[in-house]
Amino acid sequence: MNGQVRNQIKPGMEVNIVLKQDQRTGKLTKGTVKDLLTNSPNHPHGIKVRLSDGQVGRVKEILSPQS
């Protein structure tokens, strides 16, 4: 599942994000969502989130199923 729709992403979910510095390479970083930073209902490049470790990026894949 891609991360372009805000209501599919909830704090505590496991996701793969792309960090700002990794946008050229597309390198993914795995983590747990802490905060949703994008306010619009959807975004073509992925919803921006903050992970529990403080890293910020756009969601590319949702790994854990929606509860």
N, C-alpha and C. Protein backbone atom coordinates (compact mmCIF):
# COMPACT_ATOMS: atom_id res chain seq x y z
N MET A 1 0.85 -1.18 0.00
CA MET A 1 0.00 0.00 0.00
C MET A 1 0.90 1.24 0.00
N ASN A 2 0.57 2.20 -0.87
CA ASN A 2 1.40 3.40 -0.91
C ASN A 2 0.94 4.39 0.17
N GLY A 3 1.74 5.42 0.41
CA GLY A 3 1.47 6.35 1.50
C GLY A 3 0.95 7.69 1.05
N GLN A 4 0.07 7.71 0.04
CA GLN A 4 -0.41 8.98 -0.51
C GLN A 4 -1.71 9.46 0.12
N VAL A 5 -2.40 8.61 0.87
CA VAL A 5 -3.69 8.98 1.45
C VAL A 5 -3.53 9.08 2.96
N ARG A 6 -3.83 10.27 3.51
CA ARG A 6 -3.56 10.56 4.92
C ARG A 6 -4.33 9.65 5.88
N ASN A 7 -5.61 9.36 5.58
CA ASN A 7 -6.41 8.59 6.54
C ASN A 7 -6.03 7.10 6.58
N GLN A 8 -5.09 6.66 5.73
CA GLN A 8 -4.59 5.28 5.79
C GLN A 8 -3.41 5.15 6.74
N ILE A 9 -2.88 6.29 7.21
CA ILE A 9 -1.67 6.28 8.04
C ILE A 9 -2.03 6.74 9.45
N LYS A 10 -1.63 5.95 10.43
CA LYS A 10 -1.92 6.25 11.83
C LYS A 10 -0.63 6.14 12.65
N PRO A 11 -0.50 6.93 13.73
CA PRO A 11 0.66 6.77 14.61
C PRO A 11 0.77 5.33 15.12
N GLY A 12 1.99 4.84 15.17
CA GLY A 12 2.24 3.47 15.60
C GLY A 12 2.40 2.49 14.47
N MET A 13 2.07 2.88 13.25
CA MET A 13 2.20 1.98 12.10
C MET A 13 3.65 1.89 11.64
N GLU A 14 4.03 0.72 11.12
CA GLU A 14 5.34 0.53 10.51
C GLU A 14 5.27 0.97 9.06
N VAL A 15 6.21 1.84 8.65
CA VAL A 15 6.21 2.36 7.28
C VAL A 15 7.64 2.43 6.75
N ASN A 16 7.75 2.53 5.44
CA ASN A 16 9.00 2.88 4.78
C ASN A 16 8.85 4.30 4.28
N ILE A 17 9.81 5.17 4.64
CA ILE A 17 9.77 6.55 4.16
C ILE A 17 11.02 6.83 3.35
N VAL A 18 10.96 7.91 2.56
CA VAL A 18 12.16 8.41 1.89
C VAL A 18 12.49 9.75 2.55
N LEU A 19 13.71 9.85 3.06
CA LEU A 19 14.17 11.08 3.70
C LEU A 19 14.49 12.12 2.63
N LYS A 20 14.50 13.40 3.02
CA LYS A 20 14.78 14.49 2.08
C LYS A 20 16.11 14.26 1.35
N GLN A 21 17.14 13.88 2.09
CA GLN A 21 18.46 13.70 1.46
C GLN A 21 18.53 12.45 0.59
N ASP A 22 17.55 11.56 0.71
CA ASP A 22 17.54 10.33 -0.09
C ASP A 22 16.57 10.38 -1.27
N GLN A 23 15.98 11.55 -1.52
CA GLN A 23 14.98 11.63 -2.60
C GLN A 23 15.57 11.31 -3.96
N ARG A 24 16.83 11.68 -4.21
CA ARG A 24 17.45 11.39 -5.51
C ARG A 24 17.65 9.89 -5.71
N THR A 25 18.08 9.20 -4.66
CA THR A 25 18.38 7.77 -4.78
C THR A 25 17.14 6.91 -4.55
N GLY A 26 16.17 7.43 -3.80
CA GLY A 26 14.98 6.65 -3.47
C GLY A 26 15.20 5.66 -2.35
N LYS A 27 16.32 5.81 -1.60
CA LYS A 27 16.62 4.92 -0.48
C LYS A 27 15.53 5.02 0.58
N LEU A 28 15.02 3.87 1.02
CA LEU A 28 13.93 3.83 1.99
C LEU A 28 14.47 3.65 3.40
N THR A 29 13.78 4.26 4.35
CA THR A 29 14.10 4.13 5.77
C THR A 29 12.87 3.59 6.47
N LYS A 30 13.06 2.51 7.23
CA LYS A 30 11.94 1.87 7.93
C LYS A 30 11.80 2.46 9.32
N GLY A 31 10.55 2.64 9.76
CA GLY A 31 10.34 3.14 11.10
C GLY A 31 8.88 3.12 11.50
N THR A 32 8.62 3.61 12.71
CA THR A 32 7.27 3.67 13.26
C THR A 32 6.80 5.12 13.28
N VAL A 33 5.59 5.35 12.77
CA VAL A 33 5.04 6.71 12.69
C VAL A 33 4.77 7.26 14.09
N LYS A 34 5.26 8.48 14.33
CA LYS A 34 4.97 9.19 15.58
C LYS A 34 3.94 10.30 15.32
N ASP A 35 4.20 11.15 14.30
CA ASP A 35 3.31 12.27 13.98
C ASP A 35 3.09 12.34 12.48
N LEU A 36 1.89 12.79 12.07
CA LEU A 36 1.61 13.09 10.68
C LEU A 36 1.82 14.59 10.49
N LEU A 37 2.63 14.97 9.50
CA LEU A 37 2.97 16.37 9.29
C LEU A 37 2.23 17.00 8.11
N THR A 38 1.70 16.19 7.20
CA THR A 38 0.93 16.70 6.07
C THR A 38 -0.52 16.84 6.50
N ASN A 39 -1.10 18.03 6.25
CA ASN A 39 -2.49 18.27 6.65
C ASN A 39 -3.50 17.94 5.56
N SER A 40 -3.06 17.96 4.29
CA SER A 40 -4.00 17.69 3.20
C SER A 40 -4.38 16.21 3.19
N PRO A 41 -5.60 15.87 2.68
CA PRO A 41 -6.07 14.48 2.71
C PRO A 41 -5.23 13.52 1.88
N ASN A 42 -4.54 14.03 0.85
CA ASN A 42 -3.64 13.18 0.07
C ASN A 42 -2.52 14.03 -0.52
N HIS A 43 -1.44 13.37 -0.92
CA HIS A 43 -0.29 14.06 -1.48
C HIS A 43 0.38 13.13 -2.49
N PRO A 44 0.66 13.63 -3.70
CA PRO A 44 1.20 12.76 -4.76
C PRO A 44 2.57 12.16 -4.45
N HIS A 45 3.37 12.79 -3.59
CA HIS A 45 4.70 12.27 -3.27
C HIS A 45 4.72 11.49 -1.97
N GLY A 46 3.57 11.38 -1.31
CA GLY A 46 3.50 10.66 -0.04
C GLY A 46 3.26 11.61 1.12
N ILE A 47 2.58 11.13 2.13
CA ILE A 47 2.27 11.93 3.32
C ILE A 47 3.56 12.08 4.14
N LYS A 48 3.85 13.30 4.56
CA LYS A 48 5.05 13.55 5.37
C LYS A 48 4.77 13.19 6.82
N VAL A 49 5.69 12.41 7.40
CA VAL A 49 5.53 11.95 8.78
C VAL A 49 6.84 12.12 9.55
N ARG A 50 6.72 12.12 10.88
CA ARG A 50 7.88 12.05 11.76
C ARG A 50 7.88 10.67 12.38
N LEU A 51 9.03 9.99 12.31
CA LEU A 51 9.15 8.67 12.90
C LEU A 51 9.44 8.80 14.39
N SER A 52 9.30 7.69 15.11
CA SER A 52 9.53 7.69 16.56
C SER A 52 10.97 8.06 16.91
N ASP A 53 11.92 7.87 15.97
CA ASP A 53 13.31 8.25 16.23
C ASP A 53 13.62 9.69 15.82
N GLY A 54 12.59 10.43 15.35
CA GLY A 54 12.76 11.83 15.01
C GLY A 54 13.01 12.13 13.54
N GLN A 55 13.24 11.12 12.72
CA GLN A 55 13.48 11.35 11.30
C GLN A 55 12.17 11.74 10.61
N VAL A 56 12.30 12.64 9.61
CA VAL A 56 11.13 13.14 8.88
C VAL A 56 11.28 12.78 7.41
N GLY A 57 10.18 12.26 6.82
CA GLY A 57 10.20 11.93 5.41
C GLY A 57 8.80 11.64 4.91
N ARG A 58 8.72 11.29 3.62
CA ARG A 58 7.43 11.00 3.00
C ARG A 58 7.22 9.48 2.91
N VAL A 59 6.02 9.05 3.26
CA VAL A 59 5.70 7.62 3.28
C VAL A 59 5.64 7.09 1.85
N LYS A 60 6.38 6.02 1.59
CA LYS A 60 6.37 5.34 0.30
C LYS A 60 5.63 4.01 0.38
N GLU A 61 5.72 3.34 1.54
CA GLU A 61 5.03 2.05 1.72
C GLU A 61 4.52 1.95 3.15
N ILE A 62 3.33 1.36 3.29
CA ILE A 62 2.80 1.05 4.61
C ILE A 62 3.04 -0.43 4.83
N LEU A 63 3.80 -0.77 5.88
CA LEU A 63 4.18 -2.16 6.11
C LEU A 63 3.21 -2.88 7.01
N SER A 64 2.77 -2.26 8.09
CA SER A 64 1.85 -2.92 9.01
C SER A 64 0.42 -2.69 8.54
N PRO A 65 -0.45 -3.67 8.67
CA PRO A 65 -1.84 -3.50 8.23
C PRO A 65 -2.57 -2.48 9.10
N GLN A 66 -3.54 -1.81 8.49
CA GLN A 66 -4.31 -0.80 9.21
C GLN A 66 -5.20 -1.48 10.25
N SER A 67 -5.17 -0.96 11.46
CA SER A 67 -5.96 -1.56 12.54
C SER A 67 -7.29 -0.86 12.71
